[in-house]
């Protein structure tokens, strides 16, 4: 888990898997199928926020 500021906490894919109980593959499938706009780091790593996870 990382914090951009106090109001917006972002989670790695690994953290999101732990929070949701979904597999990495299923999270990536949802991202593609529902055209979710997931923010990424400069290195291309996904960062999920609470809104993404609740979707």
Foldseek 3Di string as FASTA:
>chain_A
DADPDPVWDKDFLVVLCVVQVDDSVVLVVCCVVVVPDFDADPVGTTIHTPVSSVD
